[in-house]
């Protein structure tokens, strides 16, 4: 399978969101990554469902919704109502993660689980066959533009081994510090989906940058 690129809306120009989404529609991007932050689970607040609903009306690519919030299961109906393809919740925010995965799937979305830089891969052993995708955070969640944590490469390799060993079909997604330098290393380690924020939207030609990342 050719790897996927999911540009992160967090790095877009919020004064010109419609233009940036049109660029995403024209580009080779596979999905659009949306980070919802609550200022509790992570030290920042991003945007909520009114923005996502507006984006979903314009965006022709599947929405990859990443909830960096406490009690994400409370918002399964709201995420579903946006037309999202993927609902991604943090392992650390869900004491009953298996139940939440089931609820997301029952709502008709693909369930994904994220782990923070300090959460070991082996914690996913009992749910790896139940998820559509695992997102490895390669920076501490909450802010864009952070430096890539090198240890993330080892985590991707470890997760790839776990997936292969268990016969899981889960995709491996990586978010944080992904650019033209780190992307080839992540793909070599076993990543399937790359989330890129600043690397795309701060580029002189975002569309060309997406093409570069997709062509790796």
C-alpha atoms as a PDB file:
ATOM      1  CA  UNK A   1       0.000   0.000   0.000  1.00  0.00           C
ATOM      2  CA  UNK A   2       1.249   3.451  -0.943  1.00  0.00           C
ATOM      3  CA  UNK A   3       1.595   5.654   2.131  1.00  0.00           C
ATOM      4  CA  UNK A   4      -0.979   8.338   2.850  1.00  0.00           C
ATOM      5  CA  UNK A   5      -0.517  12.051   3.572  1.00  0.00           C
ATOM      6  CA  UNK A   6      -2.884  13.803   5.978  1.00  0.00           C
ATOM      7  CA  UNK A   7      -2.126  17.559   6.200  1.00  0.00           C
ATOM      8  CA  UNK A   8      -2.980  19.076   9.580  1.00  0.00           C
ATOM      9  CA  UNK A   9      -5.532  21.875   9.562  1.00  0.00           C
ATOM     10  CA  UNK A  10      -3.974  23.251  12.755  1.00  0.00           C
ATOM     11  CA  UNK A  11      -1.190  24.813  10.644  1.00  0.00           C
ATOM     12  CA  UNK A  12      -3.549  26.343   8.063  1.00  0.00           C
ATOM     13  CA  UNK A  13      -4.409  30.024   7.762  1.00  0.00           C
ATOM     14  CA  UNK A  14      -7.619  30.364   9.759  1.00  0.00           C
ATOM     15  CA  UNK A  15      -8.406  33.679   8.076  1.00  0.00           C
ATOM     16  CA  UNK A  16      -8.439  31.878   4.713  1.00  0.00           C
ATOM     17  CA  UNK A  17      -9.583  28.367   5.556  1.00  0.00           C
ATOM     18  CA  UNK A  18     -11.687  28.013   2.414  1.00  0.00           C
ATOM     19  CA  UNK A  19      -8.639  28.715   0.219  1.00  0.00           C
ATOM     20  CA  UNK A  20      -6.482  26.249   2.132  1.00  0.00           C
ATOM     21  CA  UNK A  21      -9.150  23.563   1.871  1.00  0.00           C
ATOM     22  CA  UNK A  22      -9.450  24.160  -1.865  1.00  0.00           C
ATOM     23  CA  UNK A  23      -5.696  23.595  -2.052  1.00  0.00           C
ATOM     24  CA  UNK A  24      -6.119  20.306  -0.144  1.00  0.00           C
ATOM     25  CA  UNK A  25      -8.865  19.275  -2.574  1.00  0.00           C
ATOM     26  CA  UNK A  26      -6.596  19.922  -5.567  1.00  0.00           C
ATOM     27  CA  UNK A  27      -3.579  18.258  -3.983  1.00  0.00           C
ATOM     28  CA  UNK A  28      -2.492  14.643  -3.671  1.00  0.00           C
ATOM     29  CA  UNK A  29      -3.401  14.636   0.042  1.00  0.00           C
ATOM     30  CA  UNK A  30      -5.339  11.524   1.068  1.00  0.00           C
ATOM     31  CA  UNK A  31      -7.075  12.850   4.192  1.00  0.00           C
ATOM     32  CA  UNK A  32      -7.376  16.085   6.175  1.00  0.00           C
ATOM     33  CA  UNK A  33      -6.205  15.840   9.813  1.00  0.00           C
ATOM     34  CA  UNK A  34      -8.213  17.835  12.366  1.00  0.00           C
ATOM     35  CA  UNK A  35      -6.886  18.301  15.915  1.00  0.00           C
ATOM     36  CA  UNK A  36      -9.545  19.096  18.521  1.00  0.00           C
ATOM     37  CA  UNK A  37      -7.948  20.354  21.779  1.00  0.00           C
ATOM     38  CA  UNK A  38      -9.722  21.160  25.033  1.00  0.00           C
ATOM     39  CA  UNK A  39      -7.091  22.964  27.122  1.00  0.00           C
ATOM     40  CA  UNK A  40      -7.396  20.166  29.714  1.00  0.00           C
ATOM     41  CA  UNK A  41      -5.875  17.032  28.214  1.00  0.00           C
ATOM     42  CA  UNK A  42      -3.406  19.209  26.287  1.00  0.00           C
ATOM     43  CA  UNK A  43      -2.271  22.754  27.161  1.00  0.00           C
ATOM     44  CA  UNK A  44      -3.980  24.430  24.241  1.00  0.00           C
ATOM     45  CA  UNK A  45      -7.406  25.003  22.682  1.00  0.00           C
ATOM     46  CA  UNK A  46      -7.820  24.671  18.924  1.00  0.00           C
ATOM     47  CA  UNK A  47     -11.270  24.532  17.317  1.00  0.00           C
ATOM     48  CA  UNK A  48     -14.542  22.710  17.791  1.00  0.00           C
ATOM     49  CA  UNK A  49     -17.462  21.202  15.916  1.00  0.00           C
ATOM     50  CA  UNK A  50     -18.815  24.365  14.208  1.00  0.00           C
ATOM     51  CA  UNK A  51     -15.450  24.773  12.442  1.00  0.00           C
ATOM     52  CA  UNK A  52     -15.286  21.075  11.543  1.00  0.00           C
ATOM     53  CA  UNK A  53     -18.812  21.150  10.114  1.00  0.00           C
ATOM     54  CA  UNK A  54     -17.886  24.161   7.962  1.00  0.00           C
ATOM     55  CA  UNK A  55     -14.699  22.410   6.815  1.00  0.00           C
ATOM     56  CA  UNK A  56     -16.565  19.182   6.014  1.00  0.00           C
ATOM     57  CA  UNK A  57     -18.866  21.037   3.598  1.00  0.00           C
ATOM     58  CA  UNK A  58     -15.868  22.252   1.599  1.00  0.00           C
ATOM     59  CA  UNK A  59     -13.395  19.392   1.913  1.00  0.00           C
ATOM     60  CA  UNK A  60     -13.615  16.553  -0.612  1.00  0.00           C
ATOM     61  CA  UNK A  61     -11.043  14.421   1.235  1.00  0.00           C
ATOM     62  CA  UNK A  62     -11.963  12.115   4.164  1.00  0.00           C
ATOM     63  CA  UNK A  63     -11.733  13.799   7.572  1.00  0.00           C
ATOM     64  CA  UNK A  64      -9.214  12.321  10.018  1.00  0.00           C
ATOM     65  CA  UNK A  65     -10.455  13.704  13.370  1.00  0.00           C
ATOM     66  CA  UNK A  66      -8.020  13.524  16.303  1.00  0.00           C
ATOM     67  CA  UNK A  67      -9.538  14.307  19.707  1.00  0.00           C
ATOM     68  CA  UNK A  68      -6.900  15.543  22.167  1.00  0.00           C
ATOM     69  CA  UNK A  69      -9.510  15.836  24.906  1.00  0.00           C
ATOM     70  CA  UNK A  70     -10.741  14.206  28.103  1.00  0.00           C
ATOM     71  CA  UNK A  71     -13.828  11.972  27.840  1.00  0.00           C
ATOM     72  CA  UNK A  72     -13.792  11.813  24.026  1.00  0.00           C
ATOM     73  CA  UNK A  73     -16.491   9.132  24.032  1.00  0.00           C
ATOM     74  CA  UNK A  74     -19.032  11.821  24.984  1.00  0.00           C
ATOM     75  CA  UNK A  75     -18.611  13.368  21.546  1.00  0.00           C
ATOM     76  CA  UNK A  76     -18.962  10.322  19.300  1.00  0.00           C
ATOM     77  CA  UNK A  77     -22.364  11.540  17.932  1.00  0.00           C
ATOM     78  CA  UNK A  78     -20.958  15.025  17.241  1.00  0.00           C
ATOM     79  CA  UNK A  79     -17.919  13.638  15.413  1.00  0.00           C
ATOM     80  CA  UNK A  80     -20.158  11.310  13.405  1.00  0.00           C
ATOM     81  CA  UNK A  81     -22.392  14.265  12.474  1.00  0.00           C
ATOM     82  CA  UNK A  82     -19.428  16.014  10.833  1.00  0.00           C
ATOM     83  CA  UNK A  83     -19.128  13.154   8.356  1.00  0.00           C
ATOM     84  CA  UNK A  84     -15.708  12.118   9.683  1.00  0.00           C
ATOM     85  CA  UNK A  85     -14.212   8.884   8.348  1.00  0.00           C
ATOM     86  CA  UNK A  86     -11.820   8.355  11.285  1.00  0.00           C
ATOM     87  CA  UNK A  87     -12.293   9.179  14.979  1.00  0.00           C
ATOM     88  CA  UNK A  88      -9.020   9.078  16.848  1.00  0.00           C
ATOM     89  CA  UNK A  89      -8.856   9.113  20.669  1.00  0.00           C
ATOM     90  CA  UNK A  90      -5.927   9.100  23.076  1.00  0.00           C
ATOM     91  CA  UNK A  91      -5.117   5.906  24.935  1.00  0.00           C
ATOM     92  CA  UNK A  92      -4.222   8.071  27.952  1.00  0.00           C
ATOM     93  CA  UNK A  93      -7.657   9.763  27.971  1.00  0.00           C
ATOM     94  CA  UNK A  94      -9.708   6.551  27.932  1.00  0.00           C
ATOM     95  CA  UNK A  95      -9.580   4.204  30.929  1.00  0.00           C
ATOM     96  CA  UNK A  96     -12.102   1.994  29.084  1.00  0.00           C
ATOM     97  CA  UNK A  97     -10.419   2.196  25.681  1.00  0.00           C
ATOM     98  CA  UNK A  98     -11.806  -1.092  24.336  1.00  0.00           C
ATOM     99  CA  UNK A  99     -15.377   0.083  24.937  1.00  0.00           C
ATOM    100  CA  UNK A 100     -14.687   3.428  23.249  1.00  0.00           C
ATOM    101  CA  UNK A 101     -13.234   1.657  20.189  1.00  0.00           C
ATOM    102  CA  UNK A 102     -16.410  -0.422  19.942  1.00  0.00           C
ATOM    103  CA  UNK A 103     -18.630   2.661  20.277  1.00  0.00           C
ATOM    104  CA  UNK A 104     -16.762   4.472  17.487  1.00  0.00           C
ATOM    105  CA  UNK A 105     -17.125   1.472  15.173  1.00  0.00           C
ATOM    106  CA  UNK A 106     -20.817   1.083  16.054  1.00  0.00           C
ATOM    107  CA  UNK A 107     -21.295   4.739  15.095  1.00  0.00           C
ATOM    108  CA  UNK A 108     -20.012   3.903  11.602  1.00  0.00           C
ATOM    109  CA  UNK A 109     -16.525   5.427  11.823  1.00  0.00           C
ATOM    110  CA  UNK A 110     -13.061   3.896  11.752  1.00  0.00           C
ATOM    111  CA  UNK A 111     -11.621   3.785  15.307  1.00  0.00           C
ATOM    112  CA  UNK A 112      -8.056   4.975  15.858  1.00  0.00           C
ATOM    113  CA  UNK A 113      -5.977   5.297  19.023  1.00  0.00           C
ATOM    114  CA  UNK A 114      -3.143   7.726  19.735  1.00  0.00           C
ATOM    115  CA  UNK A 115      -0.238   7.273  22.135  1.00  0.00           C
ATOM    116  CA  UNK A 116       1.841  10.122  23.571  1.00  0.00           C
ATOM    117  CA  UNK A 117       5.665  10.112  23.430  1.00  0.00           C
ATOM    118  CA  UNK A 118       5.922   8.666  26.958  1.00  0.00           C
ATOM    119  CA  UNK A 119       3.391   5.843  26.435  1.00  0.00           C
ATOM    120  CA  UNK A 120       5.036   2.538  25.464  1.00  0.00           C
ATOM    121  CA  UNK A 121       3.851   0.615  22.421  1.00  0.00           C
ATOM    122  CA  UNK A 122       3.250  -2.600  24.375  1.00  0.00           C
ATOM    123  CA  UNK A 123       0.256  -0.948  26.086  1.00  0.00           C
ATOM    124  CA  UNK A 124      -1.619  -1.463  22.796  1.00  0.00           C
ATOM    125  CA  UNK A 125      -1.140  -5.244  22.736  1.00  0.00           C
ATOM    126  CA  UNK A 126      -4.689  -6.099  23.812  1.00  0.00           C
ATOM    127  CA  UNK A 127      -6.431  -3.717  21.384  1.00  0.00           C
ATOM    128  CA  UNK A 128      -4.158  -3.767  18.325  1.00  0.00           C
ATOM    129  CA  UNK A 129      -6.510  -6.065  16.389  1.00  0.00           C
ATOM    130  CA  UNK A 130      -9.537  -3.886  17.191  1.00  0.00           C
ATOM    131  CA  UNK A 131      -8.308  -0.575  15.740  1.00  0.00           C
ATOM    132  CA  UNK A 132      -8.160   0.768  12.205  1.00  0.00           C
ATOM    133  CA  UNK A 133      -5.085   2.853  12.988  1.00  0.00           C
ATOM    134  CA  UNK A 134      -2.585   3.791  15.701  1.00  0.00           C
ATOM    135  CA  UNK A 135      -1.172   7.320  15.816  1.00  0.00           C
ATOM    136  CA  UNK A 136       2.263   7.731  17.354  1.00  0.00           C
ATOM    137  CA  UNK A 137       2.818  11.281  18.563  1.00  0.00           C
ATOM    138  CA  UNK A 138       6.382  12.241  17.682  1.00  0.00           C
ATOM    139  CA  UNK A 139       6.071  15.494  19.665  1.00  0.00           C
ATOM    140  CA  UNK A 140       4.194  16.211  22.887  1.00  0.00           C
ATOM    141  CA  UNK A 141       0.628  17.048  21.835  1.00  0.00           C
ATOM    142  CA  UNK A 142      -0.766  20.554  22.102  1.00  0.00           C
ATOM    143  CA  UNK A 143       1.257  22.746  19.755  1.00  0.00           C
ATOM    144  CA  UNK A 144       2.394  22.679  16.143  1.00  0.00           C
ATOM    145  CA  UNK A 145       5.947  23.325  14.990  1.00  0.00           C
ATOM    146  CA  UNK A 146       7.759  21.278  17.651  1.00  0.00           C
ATOM    147  CA  UNK A 147      11.000  19.372  17.140  1.00  0.00           C
ATOM    148  CA  UNK A 148      10.707  15.715  16.150  1.00  0.00           C
ATOM    149  CA  UNK A 149      11.453  13.250  18.987  1.00  0.00           C
ATOM    150  CA  UNK A 150      14.023  10.828  17.541  1.00  0.00           C
ATOM    151  CA  UNK A 151      12.906   7.917  19.747  1.00  0.00           C
ATOM    152  CA  UNK A 152       9.665   7.902  17.760  1.00  0.00           C
ATOM    153  CA  UNK A 153      11.432   5.951  15.007  1.00  0.00           C
ATOM    154  CA  UNK A 154      12.038   3.079  17.438  1.00  0.00           C
ATOM    155  CA  UNK A 155       8.381   3.201  18.471  1.00  0.00           C
ATOM    156  CA  UNK A 156       7.245   2.946  14.852  1.00  0.00           C
ATOM    157  CA  UNK A 157       9.499  -0.101  14.352  1.00  0.00           C
ATOM    158  CA  UNK A 158       8.202  -1.674  17.563  1.00  0.00           C
ATOM    159  CA  UNK A 159       4.591  -1.037  16.556  1.00  0.00           C
ATOM    160  CA  UNK A 160       5.221  -2.530  13.107  1.00  0.00           C
ATOM    161  CA  UNK A 161       6.555  -5.679  14.796  1.00  0.00           C
ATOM    162  CA  UNK A 162       3.493  -5.871  17.072  1.00  0.00           C
ATOM    163  CA  UNK A 163       1.118  -5.485  14.113  1.00  0.00           C
ATOM    164  CA  UNK A 164       2.934  -8.148  12.088  1.00  0.00           C
ATOM    165  CA  UNK A 165       3.157 -10.531  15.045  1.00  0.00           C
ATOM    166  CA  UNK A 166      -0.545 -10.309  15.899  1.00  0.00           C
ATOM    167  CA  UNK A 167      -1.856 -10.295  12.328  1.00  0.00           C
ATOM    168  CA  UNK A 168      -3.497  -6.899  12.869  1.00  0.00           C
ATOM    169  CA  UNK A 169      -4.460  -4.751   9.864  1.00  0.00           C
ATOM    170  CA  UNK A 170      -3.882  -1.502  11.782  1.00  0.00           C
ATOM    171  CA  UNK A 171      -2.256   1.387   9.943  1.00  0.00           C
ATOM    172  CA  UNK A 172       0.586   3.312  11.590  1.00  0.00           C
ATOM    173  CA  UNK A 173       0.193   7.087  11.560  1.00  0.00           C
ATOM    174  CA  UNK A 174       2.789   9.587  12.823  1.00  0.00           C
ATOM    175  CA  UNK A 175       2.207  13.217  13.806  1.00  0.00           C
ATOM    176  CA  UNK A 176       4.755  15.802  14.924  1.00  0.00           C
ATOM    177  CA  UNK A 177       7.828  17.231  13.233  1.00  0.00           C
ATOM    178  CA  UNK A 178       7.068  15.401   9.989  1.00  0.00           C
ATOM    179  CA  UNK A 179       8.876  17.029   7.069  1.00  0.00           C
ATOM    180  CA  UNK A 180      10.930  16.115   4.004  1.00  0.00           C
ATOM    181  CA  UNK A 181      13.833  15.021   6.267  1.00  0.00           C
ATOM    182  CA  UNK A 182      11.983  12.920   8.856  1.00  0.00           C
ATOM    183  CA  UNK A 183       9.331  11.489   6.504  1.00  0.00           C
ATOM    184  CA  UNK A 184      11.666   9.045   4.658  1.00  0.00           C
ATOM    185  CA  UNK A 185      12.982   7.743   8.005  1.00  0.00           C
ATOM    186  CA  UNK A 186       9.441   7.186   9.287  1.00  0.00           C
ATOM    187  CA  UNK A 187       8.366   5.372   6.134  1.00  0.00           C
ATOM    188  CA  UNK A 188      11.457   3.181   6.309  1.00  0.00           C
ATOM    189  CA  UNK A 189      10.609   2.361   9.945  1.00  0.00           C
ATOM    190  CA  UNK A 190       7.134   1.190   8.897  1.00  0.00           C
ATOM    191  CA  UNK A 191       4.774   4.186   8.962  1.00  0.00           C
ATOM    192  CA  UNK A 192       1.725   4.152   6.652  1.00  0.00           C
ATOM    193  CA  UNK A 193       0.242   7.628   7.186  1.00  0.00           C
ATOM    194  CA  UNK A 194       2.107  10.911   7.725  1.00  0.00           C
ATOM    195  CA  UNK A 195       0.480  13.950   9.320  1.00  0.00           C
ATOM    196  CA  UNK A 196       2.231  17.136   8.224  1.00  0.00           C
ATOM    197  CA  UNK A 197       1.326  20.614   9.457  1.00  0.00           C
ATOM    198  CA  UNK A 198       3.954  23.332   9.209  1.00  0.00           C
ATOM    199  CA  UNK A 199       5.909  21.399   6.584  1.00  0.00           C
ATOM    200  CA  UNK A 200       2.917  21.740   4.255  1.00  0.00           C
ATOM    201  CA  UNK A 201       1.263  25.040   5.136  1.00  0.00           C
ATOM    202  CA  UNK A 202       4.477  27.036   5.702  1.00  0.00           C
ATOM    203  CA  UNK A 203       5.959  25.831   2.405  1.00  0.00           C
ATOM    204  CA  UNK A 204       6.227  28.285  -0.499  1.00  0.00           C
ATOM    205  CA  UNK A 205       3.999  25.870  -2.414  1.00  0.00           C
ATOM    206  CA  UNK A 206       1.959  23.660  -0.064  1.00  0.00           C
ATOM    207  CA  UNK A 207       0.648  21.637  -2.993  1.00  0.00           C
ATOM    208  CA  UNK A 208       4.195  20.853  -4.160  1.00  0.00           C
ATOM    209  CA  UNK A 209       5.214  19.871  -0.624  1.00  0.00           C
ATOM    210  CA  UNK A 210       2.316  17.411  -0.432  1.00  0.00           C
ATOM    211  CA  UNK A 211       3.463  16.007  -3.786  1.00  0.00           C
ATOM    212  CA  UNK A 212       7.042  15.647  -2.460  1.00  0.00           C
ATOM    213  CA  UNK A 213       5.868  13.813   0.664  1.00  0.00           C
ATOM    214  CA  UNK A 214       3.553  11.597  -1.345  1.00  0.00           C
ATOM    215  CA  UNK A 215       6.294  10.737  -3.853  1.00  0.00           C
ATOM    216  CA  UNK A 216       8.732   9.420  -1.199  1.00  0.00           C
END
